[in-house]
Amino acid sequence: MATWDRNKNILLELVKLPGNEQCADCGAPEPDWASYKLGIFVCLNCSGTHRNLPAVSRIKSIRLDFWDDDLVEFMKATGNAAAKKLYESSVPVFYYRPQHQDCAVLKEQWIRAKYERREFTAEGLHFQQAYCSGYYEGILWKKGKNKKQFLKRRFLLSQKDFTLKYFTKEDSSRSPKAVIAIKDLNAAFQPEKIGHMHGLQITYMQENHTRNLFVYHDNGQEIVSWFNAIRAVRYAYLQKALPKAADSELLPLITKSSLKEGYMEKTGPKQCELFKKRWFILSSKDRKLLYFKSPLDAVELGAVFIGPESLGYSVRESQPKSTRGNKWKYGVTMVTPDRQFVFMCEQERDQKEWIEAFRQVISQPMLPQDYATEASLKRR
C-alpha cells in the first residue's frame, strides 16, 4: 500500500511539471492518464486512441491504477517534452496540430501519425510525401443536389496552378465540373453537420458569393491527408502572395473554423417582415455572417459584414416590436452603420452565445483585407 501511495504521489507531481500539465497529443489541461510505453501524459479522450495501439502504447490511470517502480522511473526519465522532441521533430510547418476541441478523426490520425507511423521522424518521413508534394488526386464522396445523396467524385489538387478541381467522371483527363482557386478556398471538418465522422466542408468564392462542397472519405488517414494537402498548397499560395510575412502571420490564414454556427430566425430591414428560419455561420477571420436556408446548402442566401465598434457596429439583446411568423422569443439586434438586423433564437443560451460571438468580432480591429471584404459585399 505504501508503494501504491508513494508512486501515485510521484505521478501526481510529475503531471504538474511544465509540458506534462497538458495532454501530449491535444493539449487538454490536467491529463489523468499516461502511456507507460511512450512515457507521456494524456487526457481521457486521447487515451482511447492509445488503447487501440497496443503495439506502440500502453495506458494506465495515474490515479486509479497500480504503478510498479520501474514504470514510474521511466515516466520520470521521459515526459511530454522529451517525447515531443522525438516524435514531432519534423512536423511540416503547415501541418495542422489538433487541439482538444477538434473532431475525433483529426486527433486520432495525429496520434497514429506520431507513434504508429512515426511520420515526423527520420524513419517515417516517406509518409509525408502524400500531402507535401503539391499534388494530390483521389476519390471523395461529395454531396449532390439531393441532400441525402453522396456521389463518388474525383478531386485533383495542384500547387502548380493553385487550384482544386473535381470531376463528375472518375477519369480526370476530361473537363472538370468545377475549378476552385486556392486563393479563396477554406477547408474545415464538420462531421456532425455532414453526418459522417470524416466529413469535410470545402468553402470557396464564386461570383462574389460563398459556395460549399461537403465531402468525406471512409478512411480517416486519407481524409486527413487531403486536409493537410490543402493546407500545404494554401501555405505555398500565401507565401507567394505575402512574401514578407512570417510563418506566425501566415499560419492563422491557411484554414479557419467558424466562430459560431446555428439556426436563428431573421426578419427584413423594416423589422416587420415575416421571420424565416435560417442557418447562420459567423467567421471571425473575414468578419462575415453568412446565412443559408439549411446547413448543407451549396450557396449562401446572403452575407452581413461585421465591423468594429469604432465604426458604429454593436449588438444587444432585444425584443422586436413586430414578431410576425417567429416561433422563438430570444432576440438579438445587430446594429451596423447602414441598418439594424434582428434575429430570434430558440433558447436563451443560444442568444447569449450569439451575442458573445458577435462581440468578439466587433472587438477586433479592422485589418487591410477586411476593407476589401466589406467593399465586395457592398457591391452586391
Foldseek 3Di string as FASTA:
>chain_A
DVQQVVLLVLVVVLCPDPQNQAALQARHGRAFKAWLQLLEGHHPLLVVLQVVCVVFTDMDGSHPDGDDPVSSVSNVVDYSVNSCCAQQVADDLLQDRHHPVAADLNRNLSVCCRTVQSCRHPVRVVVLCQQQVQKHKDWKFWQDPPNVHTDIWIWIGHLVQQWIFIDPDNDPVDDTPDIAHLVFKAKDADCVLSVHSFWIWIWGDDPLWIFIIIIGDPDSNVSSSVNSSSSNSLLVVVCVVPVVDDSVVRNPVSHDDFPDWDWKWWADQVLAHATAIWIWTAHLVLQKIFTHNGSPGGTTPAIDHQEAVVQPWAKDWDAGPHHHNDPAGTWMWIDHPVGIIIIGDRDPVVNVSVRVSSNVSRHDHDDPVNVVSVVSRVVD
